[in-house]
PDB file of N, CA and C in Angstrom:
ATOM      1  N   MET A   1      -1.774  41.500 -19.179  1.00  0.00           N
ATOM      2  CA  MET A   1      -1.323  40.447 -18.297  1.00  0.00           C
ATOM      3  C   MET A   1      -1.182  39.153 -19.090  1.00  0.00           C
ATOM      4  N   SER A   2      -0.137  38.404 -18.794  1.00  0.00           N
ATOM      5  CA  SER A   2       0.013  37.103 -19.437  1.00  0.00           C
ATOM      6  C   SER A   2      -1.035  36.146 -18.880  1.00  0.00           C
ATOM      7  N   SER A   3      -1.284  35.051 -19.577  1.00  0.00           N
ATOM      8  CA  SER A   3      -2.312  34.105 -19.122  1.00  0.00           C
ATOM      9  C   SER A   3      -1.943  33.477 -17.784  1.00  0.00           C
ATOM     10  N   GLN A   4      -0.656  33.245 -17.541  1.00  0.00           N
ATOM     11  CA  GLN A   4      -0.223  32.670 -16.270  1.00  0.00           C
ATOM     12  C   GLN A   4      -0.476  33.648 -15.121  1.00  0.00           C
ATOM     13  N   VAL A   5      -0.156  34.916 -15.334  1.00  0.00           N
ATOM     14  CA  VAL A   5      -0.396  35.943 -14.319  1.00  0.00           C
ATOM     15  C   VAL A   5      -1.894  36.106 -14.093  1.00  0.00           C
ATOM     16  N   LEU A   6      -2.674  36.121 -15.162  1.00  0.00           N
ATOM     17  CA  LEU A   6      -4.120  36.251 -15.061  1.00  0.00           C
ATOM     18  C   LEU A   6      -4.714  35.069 -14.304  1.00  0.00           C
ATOM     19  N   ASN A   7      -4.236  33.866 -14.559  1.00  0.00           N
ATOM     20  CA  ASN A   7      -4.720  32.687 -13.832  1.00  0.00           C
ATOM     21  C   ASN A   7      -4.427  32.787 -12.343  1.00  0.00           C
ATOM     22  N   LYS A   8      -3.225  33.232 -11.961  1.00  0.00           N
ATOM     23  CA  LYS A   8      -2.886  33.412 -10.546  1.00  0.00           C
ATOM     24  C   LYS A   8      -3.788  34.461  -9.914  1.00  0.00           C
ATOM     25  N   PHE A   9      -3.999  35.556 -10.629  1.00  0.00           N
ATOM     26  CA  PHE A   9      -4.840  36.637 -10.123  1.00  0.00           C
ATOM     27  C   PHE A   9      -6.280  36.141  -9.924  1.00  0.00           C
ATOM     28  N   GLN A  10      -6.831  35.434 -10.900  1.00  0.00           N
ATOM     29  CA  GLN A  10      -8.198  34.908 -10.790  1.00  0.00           C
ATOM     30  C   GLN A  10      -8.315  33.902  -9.646  1.00  0.00           C
ATOM     31  N   LYS A  11      -7.313  33.046  -9.478  1.00  0.00           N
ATOM     32  CA  LYS A  11      -7.313  32.070  -8.383  1.00  0.00           C
ATOM     33  C   LYS A  11      -7.243  32.778  -7.039  1.00  0.00           C
ATOM     34  N   PHE A  12      -6.440  33.838  -6.957  1.00  0.00           N
ATOM     35  CA  PHE A  12      -6.360  34.615  -5.719  1.00  0.00           C
ATOM     36  C   PHE A  12      -7.723  35.191  -5.363  1.00  0.00           C
ATOM     37  N   ILE A  13      -8.398  35.820  -6.318  1.00  0.00           N
ATOM     38  CA  ILE A  13      -9.715  36.422  -6.075  1.00  0.00           C
ATOM     39  C   ILE A  13     -10.715  35.347  -5.657  1.00  0.00           C
ATOM     40  N   GLU A  14     -10.702  34.219  -6.347  1.00  0.00           N
ATOM     41  CA  GLU A  14     -11.618  33.118  -6.023  1.00  0.00           C
ATOM     42  C   GLU A  14     -11.416  32.641  -4.589  1.00  0.00           C
ATOM     43  N   ASN A  15     -10.175  32.420  -4.189  1.00  0.00           N
ATOM     44  CA  ASN A  15      -9.896  31.929  -2.842  1.00  0.00           C
ATOM     45  C   ASN A  15     -10.102  32.997  -1.775  1.00  0.00           C
ATOM     46  N   LEU A  16      -9.848  34.255  -2.101  1.00  0.00           N
ATOM     47  CA  LEU A  16     -10.150  35.347  -1.177  1.00  0.00           C
ATOM     48  C   LEU A  16     -11.644  35.350  -0.861  1.00  0.00           C
ATOM     49  N   LYS A  17     -12.466  35.218  -1.882  1.00  0.00           N
ATOM     50  CA  LYS A  17     -13.924  35.214  -1.687  1.00  0.00           C
ATOM     51  C   LYS A  17     -14.374  33.977  -0.913  1.00  0.00           C
ATOM     52  N   LEU A  18     -13.757  32.822  -1.181  1.00  0.00           N
ATOM     53  CA  LEU A  18     -14.088  31.616  -0.419  1.00  0.00           C
ATOM     54  C   LEU A  18     -13.784  31.794   1.064  1.00  0.00           C
ATOM     55  N   ALA A  19     -12.744  32.559   1.368  1.00  0.00           N
ATOM     56  CA  ALA A  19     -12.378  32.821   2.762  1.00  0.00           C
ATOM     57  C   ALA A  19     -13.239  33.910   3.388  1.00  0.00           C
ATOM     58  N   GLY A  20     -14.147  34.502   2.608  1.00  0.00           N
ATOM     59  CA  GLY A  20     -15.035  35.529   3.144  1.00  0.00           C
ATOM     60  C   GLY A  20     -14.597  36.945   2.856  1.00  0.00           C
ATOM     61  N   GLY A  21     -13.480  37.109   2.156  1.00  0.00           N
ATOM     62  CA  GLY A  21     -13.003  38.445   1.805  1.00  0.00           C
ATOM     63  C   GLY A  21     -13.697  38.960   0.566  1.00  0.00           C
ATOM     64  N   GLU A  22     -13.463  40.219   0.266  1.00  0.00           N
ATOM     65  CA  GLU A  22     -14.072  40.845  -0.906  1.00  0.00           C
ATOM     66  C   GLU A  22     -13.085  41.797  -1.564  1.00  0.00           C
ATOM     67  N   VAL A  23     -13.278  42.026  -2.843  1.00  0.00           N
ATOM     68  CA  VAL A  23     -12.476  42.996  -3.581  1.00  0.00           C
ATOM     69  C   VAL A  23     -13.275  44.295  -3.610  1.00  0.00           C
ATOM     70  N   LEU A  24     -12.641  45.385  -3.205  1.00  0.00           N
ATOM     71  CA  LEU A  24     -13.316  46.676  -3.121  1.00  0.00           C
ATOM     72  C   LEU A  24     -12.876  47.595  -4.251  1.00  0.00           C
ATOM     73  N   GLU A  25     -13.815  48.336  -4.792  1.00  0.00           N
ATOM     74  CA  GLU A  25     -13.537  49.318  -5.841  1.00  0.00           C
ATOM     75  C   GLU A  25     -13.063  50.646  -5.248  1.00  0.00           C
ATOM     76  N   GLU A  26     -13.436  50.894  -3.999  1.00  0.00           N
ATOM     77  CA  GLU A  26     -12.988  52.094  -3.281  1.00  0.00           C
ATOM     78  C   GLU A  26     -12.886  51.750  -1.808  1.00  0.00           C
ATOM     79  N   ILE A  27     -12.157  52.563  -1.074  1.00  0.00           N
ATOM     80  CA  ILE A  27     -11.961  52.312   0.351  1.00  0.00           C
ATOM     81  C   ILE A  27     -13.111  52.961   1.119  1.00  0.00           C
ATOM     82  N   PRO A  28     -13.904  52.158   1.836  1.00  0.00           N
ATOM     83  CA  PRO A  28     -15.034  52.700   2.590  1.00  0.00           C
ATOM     84  C   PRO A  28     -14.573  53.572   3.759  1.00  0.00           C
ATOM     85  N   ASN A  29     -15.399  54.531   4.108  1.00  0.00           N
ATOM     86  CA  ASN A  29     -15.128  55.351   5.294  1.00  0.00           C
ATOM     87  C   ASN A  29     -15.205  54.481   6.540  1.00  0.00           C
ATOM     88  N   ASN A  30     -14.427  54.825   7.531  1.00  0.00           N
ATOM     89  CA  ASN A  30     -14.428  54.186   8.847  1.00  0.00           C
ATOM     90  C   ASN A  30     -13.911  52.745   8.848  1.00  0.00           C
ATOM     91  N   TRP A  31     -13.233  52.315   7.803  1.00  0.00           N
ATOM     92  CA  TRP A  31     -12.572  51.014   7.809  1.00  0.00           C
ATOM     93  C   TRP A  31     -11.107  51.232   8.152  1.00  0.00           C
ATOM     94  N   TYR A  32     -10.520  50.315   8.893  1.00  0.00           N
ATOM     95  CA  TYR A  32      -9.096  50.388   9.164  1.00  0.00           C
ATOM     96  C   TYR A  32      -8.353  50.017   7.881  1.00  0.00           C
ATOM     97  N   VAL A  33      -7.357  50.795   7.517  1.00  0.00           N
ATOM     98  CA  VAL A  33      -6.620  50.591   6.269  1.00  0.00           C
ATOM     99  C   VAL A  33      -5.161  50.265   6.583  1.00  0.00           C
ATOM    100  N   THR A  34      -4.660  49.219   5.941  1.00  0.00           N
ATOM    101  CA  THR A  34      -3.252  48.863   6.043  1.00  0.00           C
ATOM    102  C   THR A  34      -2.774  48.417   4.666  1.00  0.00           C
ATOM    103  N   ASN A  35      -1.514  48.079   4.563  1.00  0.00           N
ATOM    104  CA  ASN A  35      -0.931  47.697   3.272  1.00  0.00           C
ATOM    105  C   ASN A  35      -0.432  46.262   3.308  1.00  0.00           C
ATOM    106  N   ALA A  36      -0.568  45.588   2.174  1.00  0.00           N
ATOM    107  CA  ALA A  36      -0.018  44.240   2.019  1.00  0.00           C
ATOM    108  C   ALA A  36       1.078  44.300   0.968  1.00  0.00           C
ATOM    109  N   HIS A  37       2.017  43.387   1.069  1.00  0.00           N
ATOM    110  CA  HIS A  37       3.128  43.323   0.124  1.00  0.00           C
ATOM    111  C   HIS A  37       2.772  42.505  -1.114  1.00  0.00           C
ATOM    112  N   PHE A  38       2.010  41.414  -0.911  1.00  0.00           N
ATOM    113  CA  PHE A  38       1.643  40.520  -2.012  1.00  0.00           C
ATOM    114  C   PHE A  38       0.518  39.604  -1.550  1.00  0.00           C
ATOM    115  N   GLY A  39      -0.070  38.895  -2.512  1.00  0.00           N
ATOM    116  CA  GLY A  39      -1.106  37.914  -2.228  1.00  0.00           C
ATOM    117  C   GLY A  39      -0.659  36.529  -2.653  1.00  0.00           C
ATOM    118  N   VAL A  40      -1.355  35.508  -2.148  1.00  0.00           N
ATOM    119  CA  VAL A  40      -1.050  34.111  -2.459  1.00  0.00           C
ATOM    120  C   VAL A  40      -2.277  33.484  -3.112  1.00  0.00           C
ATOM    121  N   ALA A  41      -2.106  33.021  -4.338  1.00  0.00           N
ATOM    122  CA  ALA A  41      -3.233  32.503  -5.114  1.00  0.00           C
ATOM    123  C   ALA A  41      -3.873  31.263  -4.489  1.00  0.00           C
ATOM    124  N   GLU A  42      -3.063  30.339  -3.958  1.00  0.00           N
ATOM    125  CA  GLU A  42      -3.618  29.059  -3.513  1.00  0.00           C
ATOM    126  C   GLU A  42      -4.573  29.171  -2.327  1.00  0.00           C
ATOM    127  N   ASN A  43      -4.513  30.274  -1.568  1.00  0.00           N
ATOM    128  CA  ASN A  43      -5.416  30.384  -0.421  1.00  0.00           C
ATOM    129  C   ASN A  43      -6.051  31.772  -0.255  1.00  0.00           C
ATOM    130  N   GLY A  44      -5.742  32.709  -1.116  1.00  0.00           N
ATOM    131  CA  GLY A  44      -6.336  34.046  -1.031  1.00  0.00           C
ATOM    132  C   GLY A  44      -5.797  34.892   0.107  1.00  0.00           C
ATOM    133  N   ALA A  45      -4.664  34.508   0.668  1.00  0.00           N
ATOM    134  CA  ALA A  45      -4.076  35.249   1.787  1.00  0.00           C
ATOM    135  C   ALA A  45      -3.199  36.392   1.283  1.00  0.00           C
ATOM    136  N   VAL A  46      -2.998  37.387   2.146  1.00  0.00           N
ATOM    137  CA  VAL A  46      -2.090  38.496   1.850  1.00  0.00           C
ATOM    138  C   VAL A  46      -1.062  38.595   2.977  1.00  0.00           C
ATOM    139  N   TRP A  47       0.141  39.073   2.647  1.00  0.00           N
ATOM    140  CA  TRP A  47       1.213  39.249   3.632  1.00  0.00           C
ATOM    141  C   TRP A  47       1.214  40.699   4.097  1.00  0.00           C
ATOM    142  N   VAL A  48       1.008  40.889   5.395  1.00  0.00           N
ATOM    143  CA  VAL A  48       0.968  42.223   6.009  1.00  0.00           C
ATOM    144  C   VAL A  48       2.072  42.305   7.050  1.00  0.00           C
ATOM    145  N   SER A  49       2.952  43.306   6.930  1.00  0.00           N
ATOM    146  CA  SER A  49       4.033  43.433   7.911  1.00  0.00           C
ATOM    147  C   SER A  49       3.686  44.403   9.034  1.00  0.00           C
ATOM    148  N   GLU A  50       2.702  45.256   8.817  1.00  0.00           N
ATOM    149  CA  GLU A  50       2.264  46.183   9.871  1.00  0.00           C
ATOM    150  C   GLU A  50       1.073  45.544  10.571  1.00  0.00           C
ATOM    151  N   TYR A  51       1.344  44.857  11.666  1.00  0.00           N
ATOM    152  CA  TYR A  51       0.252  44.184  12.369  1.00  0.00           C
ATOM    153  C   TYR A  51       0.100  44.793  13.760  1.00  0.00           C
ATOM    154  N   THR A  52      -0.780  45.771  13.848  1.00  0.00           N
ATOM    155  CA  THR A  52      -1.054  46.465  15.094  1.00  0.00           C
ATOM    156  C   THR A  52      -2.343  45.935  15.709  1.00  0.00           C
ATOM    157  N   ASP A  53      -2.631  46.390  16.912  1.00  0.00           N
ATOM    158  CA  ASP A  53      -3.877  45.969  17.551  1.00  0.00           C
ATOM    159  C   ASP A  53      -5.096  46.388  16.727  1.00  0.00           C
ATOM    160  N   LYS A  54      -5.007  47.492  16.011  1.00  0.00           N
ATOM    161  CA  LYS A  54      -6.146  47.946  15.207  1.00  0.00           C
ATOM    162  C   LYS A  54      -6.464  46.965  14.079  1.00  0.00           C
ATOM    163  N   LEU A  55      -5.456  46.295  13.559  1.00  0.00           N
ATOM    164  CA  LEU A  55      -5.677  45.308  12.507  1.00  0.00           C
ATOM    165  C   LEU A  55      -6.570  44.176  13.016  1.00  0.00           C
ATOM    166  N   PHE A  56      -6.381  43.764  14.258  1.00  0.00           N
ATOM    167  CA  PHE A  56      -7.123  42.637  14.809  1.00  0.00           C
ATOM    168  C   PHE A  56      -8.364  43.046  15.596  1.00  0.00           C
ATOM    169  N   LEU A  57      -8.442  44.305  16.018  1.00  0.00           N
ATOM    170  CA  LEU A  57      -9.581  44.754  16.823  1.00  0.00           C
ATOM    171  C   LEU A  57     -10.618  45.539  16.035  1.00  0.00           C
ATOM    172  N   SER A  58     -10.288  45.949  14.826  1.00  0.00           N
ATOM    173  CA  SER A  58     -11.249  46.686  14.000  1.00  0.00           C
ATOM    174  C   SER A  58     -12.279  45.722  13.419  1.00  0.00           C
ATOM    175  N   GLU A  59     -13.524  46.186  13.318  1.00  0.00           N
ATOM    176  CA  GLU A  59     -14.584  45.335  12.754  1.00  0.00           C
ATOM    177  C   GLU A  59     -14.463  45.216  11.248  1.00  0.00           C
ATOM    178  N   ASN A  60     -13.938  46.253  10.587  1.00  0.00           N
ATOM    179  CA  ASN A  60     -13.817  46.269   9.133  1.00  0.00           C
ATOM    180  C   ASN A  60     -12.389  46.647   8.762  1.00  0.00           C
ATOM    181  N   VAL A  61     -11.745  45.814   7.949  1.00  0.00           N
ATOM    182  CA  VAL A  61     -10.358  46.043   7.558  1.00  0.00           C
ATOM    183  C   VAL A  61     -10.248  45.982   6.042  1.00  0.00           C
ATOM    184  N   VAL A  62      -9.554  46.969   5.471  1.00  0.00           N
ATOM    185  CA  VAL A  62      -9.244  46.943   4.047  1.00  0.00           C
ATOM    186  C   VAL A  62      -7.725  46.967   3.905  1.00  0.00           C
ATOM    187  N   VAL A  63      -7.240  46.134   3.004  1.00  0.00           N
ATOM    188  CA  VAL A  63      -5.807  46.043   2.739  1.00  0.00           C
ATOM    189  C   VAL A  63      -5.542  46.566   1.338  1.00  0.00           C
ATOM    190  N   LYS A  64      -4.689  47.587   1.248  1.00  0.00           N
ATOM    191  CA  LYS A  64      -4.252  48.085  -0.058  1.00  0.00           C
ATOM    192  C   LYS A  64      -3.040  47.258  -0.467  1.00  0.00           C
ATOM    193  N   MET A  65      -3.041  46.833  -1.733  1.00  0.00           N
ATOM    194  CA  MET A  65      -1.893  46.045  -2.177  1.00  0.00           C
ATOM    195  C   MET A  65      -1.707  46.160  -3.679  1.00  0.00           C
ATOM    196  N   PRO A  66      -0.480  45.961  -4.132  1.00  0.00           N
ATOM    197  CA  PRO A  66      -0.236  45.913  -5.574  1.00  0.00           C
ATOM    198  C   PRO A  66      -0.784  44.608  -6.137  1.00  0.00           C
ATOM    199  N   LYS A  67      -0.901  44.532  -7.442  1.00  0.00           N
ATOM    200  CA  LYS A  67      -1.368  43.292  -8.078  1.00  0.00           C
ATOM    201  C   LYS A  67      -0.201  42.314  -8.202  1.00  0.00           C
ATOM    202  N   LYS A  68       0.415  42.028  -7.078  1.00  0.00           N
ATOM    203  CA  LYS A  68       1.545  41.107  -7.017  1.00  0.00           C
ATOM    204  C   LYS A  68       1.054  39.822  -6.346  1.00  0.00           C
ATOM    205  N   ILE A  69       0.908  38.764  -7.143  1.00  0.00           N
ATOM    206  CA  ILE A  69       0.367  37.506  -6.659  1.00  0.00           C
ATOM    207  C   ILE A  69       1.362  36.387  -6.955  1.00  0.00           C
ATOM    208  N   VAL A  70       1.644  35.573  -5.937  1.00  0.00           N
ATOM    209  CA  VAL A  70       2.443  34.370  -6.145  1.00  0.00           C
ATOM    210  C   VAL A  70       1.500  33.173  -6.110  1.00  0.00           C
ATOM    211  N   ALA A  71       1.916  32.068  -6.689  1.00  0.00           N
ATOM    212  CA  ALA A  71       1.036  30.911  -6.815  1.00  0.00           C
ATOM    213  C   ALA A  71       0.844  30.153  -5.502  1.00  0.00           C
ATOM    214  N   THR A  72       1.937  29.956  -4.746  1.00  0.00           N
ATOM    215  CA  THR A  72       1.881  29.067  -3.569  1.00  0.00           C
ATOM    216  C   THR A  72       2.503  29.715  -2.333  1.00  0.00           C
ATOM    217  N   MET A  73       2.204  29.103  -1.185  1.00  0.00           N
ATOM    218  CA  MET A  73       2.825  29.558   0.060  1.00  0.00           C
ATOM    219  C   MET A  73       4.332  29.319   0.030  1.00  0.00           C
ATOM    220  N   HIS A  74       4.786  28.300  -0.664  1.00  0.00           N
ATOM    221  CA  HIS A  74       6.229  28.054  -0.787  1.00  0.00           C
ATOM    222  C   HIS A  74       6.909  29.241  -1.474  1.00  0.00           C
ATOM    223  N   GLU A  75       6.299  29.752  -2.539  1.00  0.00           N
ATOM    224  CA  GLU A  75       6.839  30.937  -3.213  1.00  0.00           C
ATOM    225  C   GLU A  75       6.765  32.155  -2.303  1.00  0.00           C
ATOM    226  N   ALA A  76       5.688  32.252  -1.543  1.00  0.00           N
ATOM    227  CA  ALA A  76       5.511  33.391  -0.637  1.00  0.00           C
ATOM    228  C   ALA A  76       6.608  33.445   0.409  1.00  0.00           C
ATOM    229  N   MET A  77       7.001  32.291   0.925  1.00  0.00           N
ATOM    230  CA  MET A  77       8.031  32.253   1.966  1.00  0.00           C
ATOM    231  C   MET A  77       9.354  32.838   1.474  1.00  0.00           C
ATOM    232  N   ASP A  78       9.618  32.707   0.190  1.00  0.00           N
ATOM    233  CA  ASP A  78      10.850  33.265  -0.371  1.00  0.00           C
ATOM    234  C   ASP A  78      10.824  34.789  -0.444  1.00  0.00           C
ATOM    235  N   LEU A  79       9.639  35.390  -0.377  1.00  0.00           N
ATOM    236  CA  LEU A  79       9.509  36.845  -0.474  1.00  0.00           C
ATOM    237  C   LEU A  79       9.510  37.552   0.878  1.00  0.00           C
ATOM    238  N   ILE A  80       9.347  36.805   1.943  1.00  0.00           N
ATOM    239  CA  ILE A  80       9.207  37.414   3.271  1.00  0.00           C
ATOM    240  C   ILE A  80      10.567  37.822   3.807  1.00  0.00           C
ATOM    241  N   ASP A  81      10.691  39.125   4.097  1.00  0.00           N
ATOM    242  CA  ASP A  81      11.942  39.626   4.664  1.00  0.00           C
ATOM    243  C   ASP A  81      11.697  40.500   5.894  1.00  0.00           C
ATOM    244  N   THR A  82      10.445  40.544   6.359  1.00  0.00           N
ATOM    245  CA  THR A  82      10.096  41.309   7.559  1.00  0.00           C
ATOM    246  C   THR A  82       9.119  40.481   8.395  1.00  0.00           C
ATOM    247  N   PRO A  83       9.056  40.741   9.699  1.00  0.00           N
ATOM    248  CA  PRO A  83       8.019  40.071  10.493  1.00  0.00           C
ATOM    249  C   PRO A  83       6.642  40.493   9.989  1.00  0.00           C
ATOM    250  N   GLY A  84       5.665  39.627  10.108  1.00  0.00           N
ATOM    251  CA  GLY A  84       4.327  39.950   9.658  1.00  0.00           C
ATOM    252  C   GLY A  84       3.376  38.790   9.826  1.00  0.00           C
ATOM    253  N   VAL A  85       2.214  38.907   9.190  1.00  0.00           N
ATOM    254  CA  VAL A  85       1.183  37.881   9.280  1.00  0.00           C
ATOM    255  C   VAL A  85       0.512  37.700   7.921  1.00  0.00           C
ATOM    256  N   PHE A  86      -0.010  36.505   7.693  1.00  0.00           N
ATOM    257  CA  PHE A  86      -0.875  36.255   6.552  1.00  0.00           C
ATOM    258  C   PHE A  86      -2.311  36.455   7.015  1.00  0.00           C
ATOM    259  N   ILE A  87      -3.095  37.128   6.191  1.00  0.00           N
ATOM    260  CA  ILE A  87      -4.512  37.330   6.470  1.00  0.00           C
ATOM    261  C   ILE A  87      -5.282  36.813   5.259  1.00  0.00           C
ATOM    262  N   SER A  88      -6.374  36.082   5.519  1.00  0.00           N
ATOM    263  CA  SER A  88      -7.116  35.516   4.390  1.00  0.00           C
ATOM    264  C   SER A  88      -8.630  35.640   4.548  1.00  0.00           C
ATOM    265  N   GLY A  89      -9.085  36.694   5.127  1.00  0.00           N
ATOM    266  CA  GLY A  89     -10.527  36.901   5.250  1.00  0.00           C
ATOM    267  C   GLY A  89     -10.910  37.240   6.678  1.00  0.00           C
ATOM    268  N   PRO A  90     -12.203  37.472   6.899  1.00  0.00           N
ATOM    269  CA  PRO A  90     -12.636  37.814   8.254  1.00  0.00           C
ATOM    270  C   PRO A  90     -12.465  36.617   9.185  1.00  0.00           C
ATOM    271  N   SER A  91     -12.297  36.909  10.464  1.00  0.00           N
ATOM    272  CA  SER A  91     -12.121  35.811  11.409  1.00  0.00           C
ATOM    273  C   SER A  91     -13.433  35.050  11.570  1.00  0.00           C
ATOM    274  N   LYS A  92     -13.294  33.755  11.808  1.00  0.00           N
ATOM    275  CA  LYS A  92     -14.460  32.900  12.015  1.00  0.00           C
ATOM    276  C   LYS A  92     -14.110  31.898  13.110  1.00  0.00           C
ATOM    277  N   THR A  93     -15.095  31.566  13.897  1.00  0.00           N
ATOM    278  CA  THR A  93     -14.929  30.510  14.882  1.00  0.00           C
ATOM    279  C   THR A  93     -16.286  29.849  15.086  1.00  0.00           C
ATOM    280  N   ALA A  94     -16.278  28.582  15.484  1.00  0.00           N
ATOM    281  CA  ALA A  94     -17.523  27.869  15.742  1.00  0.00           C
ATOM    282  C   ALA A  94     -17.381  27.082  17.043  1.00  0.00           C
ATOM    283  N   ASP A  95     -18.504  26.947  17.743  1.00  0.00           N
ATOM    284  CA  ASP A  95     -18.477  26.158  18.968  1.00  0.00           C
ATOM    285  C   ASP A  95     -18.796  24.698  18.651  1.00  0.00           C
ATOM    286  N   VAL A  96     -18.890  23.888  19.673  1.00  0.00           N
ATOM    287  CA  VAL A  96     -19.109  22.463  19.495  1.00  0.00           C
ATOM    288  C   VAL A  96     -20.435  22.161  18.797  1.00  0.00           C
ATOM    289  N   GLU A  97     -21.395  23.066  18.892  1.00  0.00           N
ATOM    290  CA  GLU A  97     -22.684  22.891  18.225  1.00  0.00           C
ATOM    291  C   GLU A  97     -22.682  23.477  16.817  1.00  0.00           C
ATOM    292  N   SER A  98     -21.500  23.864  16.332  1.00  0.00           N
ATOM    293  CA  SER A  98     -21.306  24.426  14.992  1.00  0.00           C
ATOM    294  C   SER A  98     -21.990  25.765  14.797  1.00  0.00           C
ATOM    295  N   PHE A  99     -22.116  26.538  15.860  1.00  0.00           N
ATOM    296  CA  PHE A  99     -22.635  27.897  15.758  1.00  0.00           C
ATOM    297  C   PHE A  99     -21.487  28.796  15.308  1.00  0.00           C
ATOM    298  N   LEU A 100     -21.562  29.317  14.072  1.00  0.00           N
ATOM    299  CA  LEU A 100     -20.474  30.087  13.478  1.00  0.00           C
ATOM    300  C   LEU A 100     -20.591  31.560  13.844  1.00  0.00           C
ATOM    301  N   VAL A 101     -19.466  32.138  14.294  1.00  0.00           N
ATOM    302  CA  VAL A 101     -19.407  33.549  14.674  1.00  0.00           C
ATOM    303  C   VAL A 101     -18.318  34.222  13.846  1.00  0.00           C
ATOM    304  N   PHE A 102     -18.634  35.363  13.255  1.00  0.00           N
ATOM    305  CA  PHE A 102     -17.656  36.159  12.517  1.00  0.00           C
ATOM    306  C   PHE A 102     -17.133  37.266  13.418  1.00  0.00           C
ATOM    307  N   GLY A 103     -15.853  37.561  13.334  1.00  0.00           N
ATOM    308  CA  GLY A 103     -15.272  38.686  14.053  1.00  0.00           C
ATOM    309  C   GLY A 103     -14.963  38.423  15.505  1.00  0.00           C
ATOM    310  N   ALA A 104     -14.876  37.177  15.917  1.00  0.00           N
ATOM    311  CA  ALA A 104     -14.583  36.865  17.318  1.00  0.00           C
ATOM    312  C   ALA A 104     -13.157  37.238  17.700  1.00  0.00           C
ATOM    313  N   HIS A 105     -12.211  37.086  16.787  1.00  0.00           N
ATOM    314  CA  HIS A 105     -10.801  37.395  17.070  1.00  0.00           C
ATOM    315  C   HIS A 105     -10.153  38.068  15.873  1.00  0.00           C
ATOM    316  N   GLY A 106     -10.865  39.006  15.279  1.00  0.00           N
ATOM    317  CA  GLY A 106     -10.380  39.741  14.119  1.00  0.00           C
ATOM    318  C   GLY A 106     -11.546  40.452  13.461  1.00  0.00           C
ATOM    319  N   PRO A 107     -11.338  40.977  12.274  1.00  0.00           N
ATOM    320  CA  PRO A 107     -12.404  41.756  11.622  1.00  0.00           C
ATOM    321  C   PRO A 107     -13.597  40.904  11.205  1.00  0.00           C
ATOM    322  N   LYS A 108     -14.771  41.551  11.178  1.00  0.00           N
ATOM    323  CA  LYS A 108     -15.982  40.895  10.670  1.00  0.00           C
ATOM    324  C   LYS A 108     -16.025  40.976   9.146  1.00  0.00           C
ATOM    325  N   ARG A 109     -15.447  42.050   8.611  1.00  0.00           N
ATOM    326  CA  ARG A 109     -15.392  42.224   7.156  1.00  0.00           C
ATOM    327  C   ARG A 109     -13.956  42.522   6.767  1.00  0.00           C
ATOM    328  N   PHE A 110     -13.552  41.920   5.636  1.00  0.00           N
ATOM    329  CA  PHE A 110     -12.168  42.057   5.161  1.00  0.00           C
ATOM    330  C   PHE A 110     -12.202  42.296   3.655  1.00  0.00           C
ATOM    331  N   GLY A 111     -11.545  43.357   3.224  1.00  0.00           N
ATOM    332  CA  GLY A 111     -11.527  43.676   1.801  1.00  0.00           C
ATOM    333  C   GLY A 111     -10.132  43.982   1.293  1.00  0.00           C
ATOM    334  N   ILE A 112      -9.970  43.792  -0.018  1.00  0.00           N
ATOM    335  CA  ILE A 112      -8.720  44.099  -0.710  1.00  0.00           C
ATOM    336  C   ILE A 112      -8.995  45.242  -1.679  1.00  0.00           C
ATOM    337  N   PHE A 113      -8.105  46.208  -1.679  1.00  0.00           N
ATOM    338  CA  PHE A 113      -8.167  47.314  -2.645  1.00  0.00           C
ATOM    339  C   PHE A 113      -6.852  47.298  -3.410  1.00  0.00           C
ATOM    340  N   PHE A 114      -6.913  47.033  -4.703  1.00  0.00           N
ATOM    341  CA  PHE A 114      -5.696  46.964  -5.509  1.00  0.00           C
ATOM    342  C   PHE A 114      -5.254  48.361  -5.919  1.00  0.00           C
ATOM    343  N   GLU A 115      -3.959  48.617  -5.741  1.00  0.00           N
ATOM    344  CA  GLU A 115      -3.395  49.920  -6.122  1.00  0.00           C
ATOM    345  C   GLU A 115      -2.868  49.866  -7.539  1.00  0.00           C
TER     346      GLU A 115
END
C-alpha cells in the first residue's frame, strides 16, 4: 500500500473505533451480515446499499467490505450510484440527563470485516 492509501486506511480504522465500531478478524456466529461498497476515512462510516429491517433491528451487525477507503464525504458522494445509507458504528442516544443508551435505534455492536 502507498503511504497515502495507508494513511486513509489508518484514519478510517481510528474513526470507526471512535464511533464505537470494531474491526473483526472473523465473522461471529449469529451476527447479521451485509456488504459495504467503501469506507470514509474522515468519519469511519461505510456505504451500504442493502438496508433492510434486519440491518437496523439486529443487535449485532458485521459489514463485509473491500479495503476501498476514500478520504472525505465529498469524495464518497461521487461514488454513490445506488440508494443506501452511511453507517458509522452502533447506535447511541442520550436523554436530557445524559444517560447514554446503545442500540436504541440500531445495532448495539457494529463490526467491519475486510475481504
